[in-house]
Amino acid sequence: MSEWQFLGYLALGAVAITFAVLLVLGIRILTLPTPGPPEPKTDAPYYVVRGDDTLSAIAQRTGIPSSG
């Protein structure tokens, strides 16, 4: 085996190890638990807004009229 072949295999091994480490880290990040809504700081009723909520839908669900 020539010196250049050895260096090529060494570089290929380094790339494979780097890819494996990045893959494991990526999977670990993707499987982290998603935090829930924050705990209320008062005893007052609260509503956690979702991404598809509209002001009129929130008002209808909570029984609080929206101004407008």
PDB file of N, CA and C in Angstrom:
ATOM      1  N   MET A   1       0.863  -1.177   0.000  1.00  0.00           N
ATOM      2  CA  MET A   1       0.000   0.000   0.000  1.00  0.00           C
ATOM      3  C   MET A   1       0.903   1.232   0.000  1.00  0.00           C
ATOM      4  N   SER A   2       0.591   2.127  -0.880  1.00  0.00           N
ATOM      5  CA  SER A   2       1.413   3.332  -0.975  1.00  0.00           C
ATOM      6  C   SER A   2       1.026   4.336   0.105  1.00  0.00           C
ATOM      7  N   GLU A   3       1.880   5.305   0.260  1.00  0.00           N
ATOM      8  CA  GLU A   3       1.616   6.352   1.257  1.00  0.00           C
ATOM      9  C   GLU A   3       0.359   7.127   0.921  1.00  0.00           C
ATOM     10  N   TRP A   4       0.114   7.374  -0.369  1.00  0.00           N
ATOM     11  CA  TRP A   4      -1.065   8.132  -0.779  1.00  0.00           C
ATOM     12  C   TRP A   4      -2.347   7.340  -0.534  1.00  0.00           C
ATOM     13  N   GLN A   5      -2.288   6.033  -0.757  1.00  0.00           N
ATOM     14  CA  GLN A   5      -3.458   5.201  -0.466  1.00  0.00           C
ATOM     15  C   GLN A   5      -3.763   5.222   1.034  1.00  0.00           C
ATOM     16  N   PHE A   6      -2.731   5.108   1.834  1.00  0.00           N
ATOM     17  CA  PHE A   6      -2.911   5.137   3.282  1.00  0.00           C
ATOM     18  C   PHE A   6      -3.541   6.449   3.726  1.00  0.00           C
ATOM     19  N   LEU A   7      -3.021   7.564   3.193  1.00  0.00           N
ATOM     20  CA  LEU A   7      -3.592   8.860   3.556  1.00  0.00           C
ATOM     21  C   LEU A   7      -5.041   8.995   3.073  1.00  0.00           C
ATOM     22  N   GLY A   8      -5.348   8.436   1.915  1.00  0.00           N
ATOM     23  CA  GLY A   8      -6.721   8.455   1.408  1.00  0.00           C
ATOM     24  C   GLY A   8      -7.665   7.691   2.314  1.00  0.00           C
ATOM     25  N   TYR A   9      -7.241   6.484   2.729  1.00  0.00           N
ATOM     26  CA  TYR A   9      -8.060   5.700   3.650  1.00  0.00           C
ATOM     27  C   TYR A   9      -8.209   6.393   5.003  1.00  0.00           C
ATOM     28  N   LEU A  10      -7.146   7.027   5.447  1.00  0.00           N
ATOM     29  CA  LEU A  10      -7.196   7.766   6.709  1.00  0.00           C
ATOM     30  C   LEU A  10      -8.196   8.914   6.620  1.00  0.00           C
ATOM     31  N   ALA A  11      -8.170   9.648   5.507  1.00  0.00           N
ATOM     32  CA  ALA A  11      -9.112  10.755   5.305  1.00  0.00           C
ATOM     33  C   ALA A  11     -10.545  10.235   5.206  1.00  0.00           C
ATOM     34  N   LEU A  12     -10.723   9.107   4.512  1.00  0.00           N
ATOM     35  CA  LEU A  12     -12.053   8.513   4.386  1.00  0.00           C
ATOM     36  C   LEU A  12     -12.586   8.085   5.758  1.00  0.00           C
ATOM     37  N   GLY A  13     -11.725   7.532   6.582  1.00  0.00           N
ATOM     38  CA  GLY A  13     -12.129   7.148   7.931  1.00  0.00           C
ATOM     39  C   GLY A  13     -12.512   8.352   8.767  1.00  0.00           C
ATOM     40  N   ALA A  14     -11.746   9.432   8.629  1.00  0.00           N
ATOM     41  CA  ALA A  14     -12.060  10.650   9.379  1.00  0.00           C
ATOM     42  C   ALA A  14     -13.412  11.222   8.951  1.00  0.00           C
ATOM     43  N   VAL A  15     -13.681  11.184   7.658  1.00  0.00           N
ATOM     44  CA  VAL A  15     -14.973  11.678   7.156  1.00  0.00           C
ATOM     45  C   VAL A  15     -16.108  10.797   7.685  1.00  0.00           C
ATOM     46  N   ALA A  16     -15.916   9.492   7.697  1.00  0.00           N
ATOM     47  CA  ALA A  16     -16.952   8.573   8.177  1.00  0.00           C
ATOM     48  C   ALA A  16     -17.229   8.798   9.668  1.00  0.00           C
ATOM     49  N   ILE A  17     -16.182   8.978  10.452  1.00  0.00           N
ATOM     50  CA  ILE A  17     -16.358   9.220  11.889  1.00  0.00           C
ATOM     51  C   ILE A  17     -17.067  10.547  12.117  1.00  0.00           C
ATOM     52  N   THR A  18     -16.685  11.583  11.381  1.00  0.00           N
ATOM     53  CA  THR A  18     -17.332  12.894  11.509  1.00  0.00           C
ATOM     54  C   THR A  18     -18.810  12.798  11.159  1.00  0.00           C
ATOM     55  N   PHE A  19     -19.114  12.087  10.071  1.00  0.00           N
ATOM     56  CA  PHE A  19     -20.508  11.920   9.673  1.00  0.00           C
ATOM     57  C   PHE A  19     -21.298  11.185  10.752  1.00  0.00           C
ATOM     58  N   ALA A  20     -20.714  10.139  11.322  1.00  0.00           N
ATOM     59  CA  ALA A  20     -21.405   9.371  12.362  1.00  0.00           C
ATOM     60  C   ALA A  20     -21.683  10.229  13.589  1.00  0.00           C
ATOM     61  N   VAL A  21     -20.709  11.040  13.988  1.00  0.00           N
ATOM     62  CA  VAL A  21     -20.892  11.916  15.153  1.00  0.00           C
ATOM     63  C   VAL A  21     -21.990  12.932  14.878  1.00  0.00           C
ATOM     64  N   LEU A  22     -21.976  13.540  13.697  1.00  0.00           N
ATOM     65  CA  LEU A  22     -23.016  14.520  13.350  1.00  0.00           C
ATOM     66  C   LEU A  22     -24.389  13.870  13.280  1.00  0.00           C
ATOM     67  N   LEU A  23     -24.456  12.654  12.788  1.00  0.00           N
ATOM     68  CA  LEU A  23     -25.731  11.947  12.714  1.00  0.00           C
ATOM     69  C   LEU A  23     -26.277  11.667  14.114  1.00  0.00           C
ATOM     70  N   VAL A  24     -25.423  11.207  15.012  1.00  0.00           N
ATOM     71  CA  VAL A  24     -25.862  10.932  16.383  1.00  0.00           C
ATOM     72  C   VAL A  24     -26.313  12.219  17.069  1.00  0.00           C
ATOM     73  N   LEU A  25     -25.562  13.296  16.900  1.00  0.00           N
ATOM     74  CA  LEU A  25     -25.954  14.577  17.506  1.00  0.00           C
ATOM     75  C   LEU A  25     -27.279  15.083  16.932  1.00  0.00           C
ATOM     76  N   GLY A  26     -27.455  14.934  15.632  1.00  0.00           N
ATOM     77  CA  GLY A  26     -28.707  15.363  15.004  1.00  0.00           C
ATOM     78  C   GLY A  26     -29.894  14.589  15.526  1.00  0.00           C
ATOM     79  N   ILE A  27     -29.738  13.282  15.662  1.00  0.00           N
ATOM     80  CA  ILE A  27     -30.830  12.463  16.197  1.00  0.00           C
ATOM     81  C   ILE A  27     -31.111  12.854  17.643  1.00  0.00           C
ATOM     82  N   ARG A  28     -30.068  13.105  18.391  1.00  0.00           N
ATOM     83  CA  ARG A  28     -30.260  13.491  19.797  1.00  0.00           C
ATOM     84  C   ARG A  28     -31.018  14.816  19.907  1.00  0.00           C
ATOM     85  N   ILE A  29     -30.674  15.784  19.051  1.00  0.00           N
ATOM     86  CA  ILE A  29     -31.361  17.083  19.075  1.00  0.00           C
ATOM     87  C   ILE A  29     -32.824  16.921  18.669  1.00  0.00           C
ATOM     88  N   LEU A  30     -33.079  16.098  17.659  1.00  0.00           N
ATOM     89  CA  LEU A  30     -34.448  15.915  17.183  1.00  0.00           C
ATOM     90  C   LEU A  30     -35.329  15.188  18.187  1.00  0.00           C
ATOM     91  N   THR A  31     -34.745  14.423  19.087  1.00  0.00           N
ATOM     92  CA  THR A  31     -35.548  13.668  20.042  1.00  0.00           C
ATOM     93  C   THR A  31     -35.609  14.313  21.421  1.00  0.00           C
ATOM     94  N   LEU A  32     -35.127  15.542  21.562  1.00  0.00           N
ATOM     95  CA  LEU A  32     -35.232  16.241  22.838  1.00  0.00           C
ATOM     96  C   LEU A  32     -36.706  16.508  23.145  1.00  0.00           C
ATOM     97  N   PRO A  33     -37.112  16.427  24.398  1.00  0.00           N
ATOM     98  CA  PRO A  33     -38.516  16.689  24.726  1.00  0.00           C
ATOM     99  C   PRO A  33     -38.874  18.156  24.486  1.00  0.00           C
ATOM    100  N   THR A  34     -40.086  18.359  24.026  1.00  0.00           N
ATOM    101  CA  THR A  34     -40.576  19.710  23.782  1.00  0.00           C
ATOM    102  C   THR A  34     -41.149  20.267  25.089  1.00  0.00           C
ATOM    103  N   PRO A  35     -40.732  21.465  25.487  1.00  0.00           N
ATOM    104  CA  PRO A  35     -41.267  22.012  26.740  1.00  0.00           C
ATOM    105  C   PRO A  35     -42.744  22.354  26.595  1.00  0.00           C
ATOM    106  N   GLY A  36     -43.474  22.193  27.673  1.00  0.00           N
ATOM    107  CA  GLY A  36     -44.893  22.521  27.682  1.00  0.00           C
ATOM    108  C   GLY A  36     -45.106  24.004  27.937  1.00  0.00           C
ATOM    109  N   PRO A  37     -46.360  24.398  28.063  1.00  0.00           N
ATOM    110  CA  PRO A  37     -46.631  25.817  28.327  1.00  0.00           C
ATOM    111  C   PRO A  37     -46.121  26.207  29.712  1.00  0.00           C
ATOM    112  N   PRO A  38     -45.764  27.461  29.888  1.00  0.00           N
ATOM    113  CA  PRO A  38     -45.261  27.890  31.198  1.00  0.00           C
ATOM    114  C   PRO A  38     -46.362  27.848  32.251  1.00  0.00           C
ATOM    115  N   GLU A  39     -45.956  27.659  33.462  1.00  0.00           N
ATOM    116  CA  GLU A  39     -46.913  27.660  34.567  1.00  0.00           C
ATOM    117  C   GLU A  39     -47.391  29.093  34.814  1.00  0.00           C
ATOM    118  N   PRO A  40     -48.687  29.269  35.094  1.00  0.00           N
ATOM    119  CA  PRO A  40     -49.181  30.630  35.357  1.00  0.00           C
ATOM    120  C   PRO A  40     -48.589  31.166  36.660  1.00  0.00           C
ATOM    121  N   LYS A  41     -48.359  32.460  36.697  1.00  0.00           N
ATOM    122  CA  LYS A  41     -47.781  33.092  37.883  1.00  0.00           C
ATOM    123  C   LYS A  41     -48.852  33.593  38.844  1.00  0.00           C
ATOM    124  N   THR A  42     -50.091  33.521  38.440  1.00  0.00           N
ATOM    125  CA  THR A  42     -51.205  33.934  39.305  1.00  0.00           C
ATOM    126  C   THR A  42     -52.271  32.845  39.275  1.00  0.00           C
ATOM    127  N   ASP A  43     -53.302  33.039  40.086  1.00  0.00           N
ATOM    128  CA  ASP A  43     -54.423  32.109  40.091  1.00  0.00           C
ATOM    129  C   ASP A  43     -55.484  32.506  39.064  1.00  0.00           C
ATOM    130  N   ALA A  44     -55.240  33.577  38.328  1.00  0.00           N
ATOM    131  CA  ALA A  44     -56.197  34.033  37.326  1.00  0.00           C
ATOM    132  C   ALA A  44     -56.270  33.013  36.193  1.00  0.00           C
ATOM    133  N   PRO A  45     -57.432  32.880  35.552  1.00  0.00           N
ATOM    134  CA  PRO A  45     -57.533  31.952  34.421  1.00  0.00           C
ATOM    135  C   PRO A  45     -56.621  32.399  33.282  1.00  0.00           C
ATOM    136  N   TYR A  46     -56.141  31.443  32.527  1.00  0.00           N
ATOM    137  CA  TYR A  46     -55.241  31.768  31.420  1.00  0.00           C
ATOM    138  C   TYR A  46     -55.582  30.893  30.224  1.00  0.00           C
ATOM    139  N   TYR A  47     -55.096  31.284  29.075  1.00  0.00           N
ATOM    140  CA  TYR A  47     -55.296  30.533  27.843  1.00  0.00           C
ATOM    141  C   TYR A  47     -53.967  30.516  27.095  1.00  0.00           C
ATOM    142  N   VAL A  48     -53.540  29.348  26.658  1.00  0.00           N
ATOM    143  CA  VAL A  48     -52.300  29.225  25.888  1.00  0.00           C
ATOM    144  C   VAL A  48     -52.663  29.301  24.412  1.00  0.00           C
ATOM    145  N   VAL A  49     -52.129  30.297  23.732  1.00  0.00           N
ATOM    146  CA  VAL A  49     -52.442  30.525  22.322  1.00  0.00           C
ATOM    147  C   VAL A  49     -51.729  29.481  21.470  1.00  0.00           C
ATOM    148  N   ARG A  50     -52.466  28.866  20.540  1.00  0.00           N
ATOM    149  CA  ARG A  50     -51.909  27.902  19.600  1.00  0.00           C
ATOM    150  C   ARG A  50     -51.631  28.606  18.278  1.00  0.00           C
ATOM    151  N   GLY A  51     -50.888  27.971  17.431  1.00  0.00           N
ATOM    152  CA  GLY A  51     -50.477  28.578  16.170  1.00  0.00           C
ATOM    153  C   GLY A  51     -51.627  28.907  15.228  1.00  0.00           C
ATOM    154  N   ASP A  52     -52.716  28.150  15.284  1.00  0.00           N
ATOM    155  CA  ASP A  52     -53.829  28.382  14.354  1.00  0.00           C
ATOM    156  C   ASP A  52     -54.967  29.184  14.971  1.00  0.00           C
ATOM    157  N   ASP A  53     -54.776  29.743  16.161  1.00  0.00           N
ATOM    158  CA  ASP A  53     -55.816  30.514  16.830  1.00  0.00           C
ATOM    159  C   ASP A  53     -56.030  31.879  16.172  1.00  0.00           C
ATOM    160  N   THR A  54     -57.261  32.310  16.225  1.00  0.00           N
ATOM    161  CA  THR A  54     -57.600  33.683  15.842  1.00  0.00           C
ATOM    162  C   THR A  54     -58.206  34.351  17.070  1.00  0.00           C
ATOM    163  N   LEU A  55     -58.244  35.670  17.060  1.00  0.00           N
ATOM    164  CA  LEU A  55     -58.785  36.397  18.208  1.00  0.00           C
ATOM    165  C   LEU A  55     -60.244  36.047  18.432  1.00  0.00           C
ATOM    166  N   SER A  56     -61.017  35.900  17.361  1.00  0.00           N
ATOM    167  CA  SER A  56     -62.438  35.574  17.533  1.00  0.00           C
ATOM    168  C   SER A  56     -62.616  34.154  18.067  1.00  0.00           C
ATOM    169  N   ALA A  57     -61.766  33.220  17.666  1.00  0.00           N
ATOM    170  CA  ALA A  57     -61.860  31.849  18.177  1.00  0.00           C
ATOM    171  C   ALA A  57     -61.514  31.799  19.656  1.00  0.00           C
ATOM    172  N   ILE A  58     -60.505  32.548  20.068  1.00  0.00           N
ATOM    173  CA  ILE A  58     -60.133  32.598  21.479  1.00  0.00           C
ATOM    174  C   ILE A  58     -61.267  33.209  22.296  1.00  0.00           C
ATOM    175  N   ALA A  59     -61.857  34.288  21.795  1.00  0.00           N
ATOM    176  CA  ALA A  59     -62.963  34.944  22.498  1.00  0.00           C
ATOM    177  C   ALA A  59     -64.144  34.000  22.645  1.00  0.00           C
ATOM    178  N   GLN A  60     -64.417  33.231  21.596  1.00  0.00           N
ATOM    179  CA  GLN A  60     -65.545  32.299  21.653  1.00  0.00           C
ATOM    180  C   GLN A  60     -65.263  31.176  22.647  1.00  0.00           C
ATOM    181  N   ARG A  61     -64.053  30.633  22.667  1.00  0.00           N
ATOM    182  CA  ARG A  61     -63.710  29.534  23.577  1.00  0.00           C
ATOM    183  C   ARG A  61     -63.705  29.983  25.038  1.00  0.00           C
ATOM    184  N   THR A  62     -63.241  31.196  25.302  1.00  0.00           N
ATOM    185  CA  THR A  62     -63.093  31.655  26.679  1.00  0.00           C
ATOM    186  C   THR A  62     -64.314  32.404  27.193  1.00  0.00           C
ATOM    187  N   GLY A  63     -65.196  32.805  26.296  1.00  0.00           N
ATOM    188  CA  GLY A  63     -66.371  33.553  26.712  1.00  0.00           C
ATOM    189  C   GLY A  63     -66.080  35.010  26.993  1.00  0.00           C
ATOM    190  N   ILE A  64     -64.905  35.477  26.608  1.00  0.00           N
ATOM    191  CA  ILE A  64     -64.517  36.875  26.803  1.00  0.00           C
ATOM    192  C   ILE A  64     -64.705  37.590  25.466  1.00  0.00           C
ATOM    193  N   PRO A  65     -65.506  38.629  25.417  1.00  0.00           N
ATOM    194  CA  PRO A  65     -65.730  39.302  24.134  1.00  0.00           C
ATOM    195  C   PRO A  65     -64.455  40.000  23.659  1.00  0.00           C
ATOM    196  N   SER A  66     -64.263  39.980  22.345  1.00  0.00           N
ATOM    197  CA  SER A  66     -63.112  40.694  21.780  1.00  0.00           C
ATOM    198  C   SER A  66     -63.567  42.084  21.380  1.00  0.00           C
ATOM    199  N   SER A  67     -62.689  43.042  21.601  1.00  0.00           N
ATOM    200  CA  SER A  67     -63.048  44.422  21.234  1.00  0.00           C
ATOM    201  C   SER A  67     -62.726  44.605  19.760  1.00  0.00           C
ATOM    202  N   GLY A  68     -63.563  45.306  19.074  1.00  0.00           N
ATOM    203  CA  GLY A  68     -63.249  45.544  17.682  1.00  0.00           C
ATOM    204  C   GLY A  68     -64.404  45.646  16.849  1.00  0.00           C
TER     205      GLY A  68
END
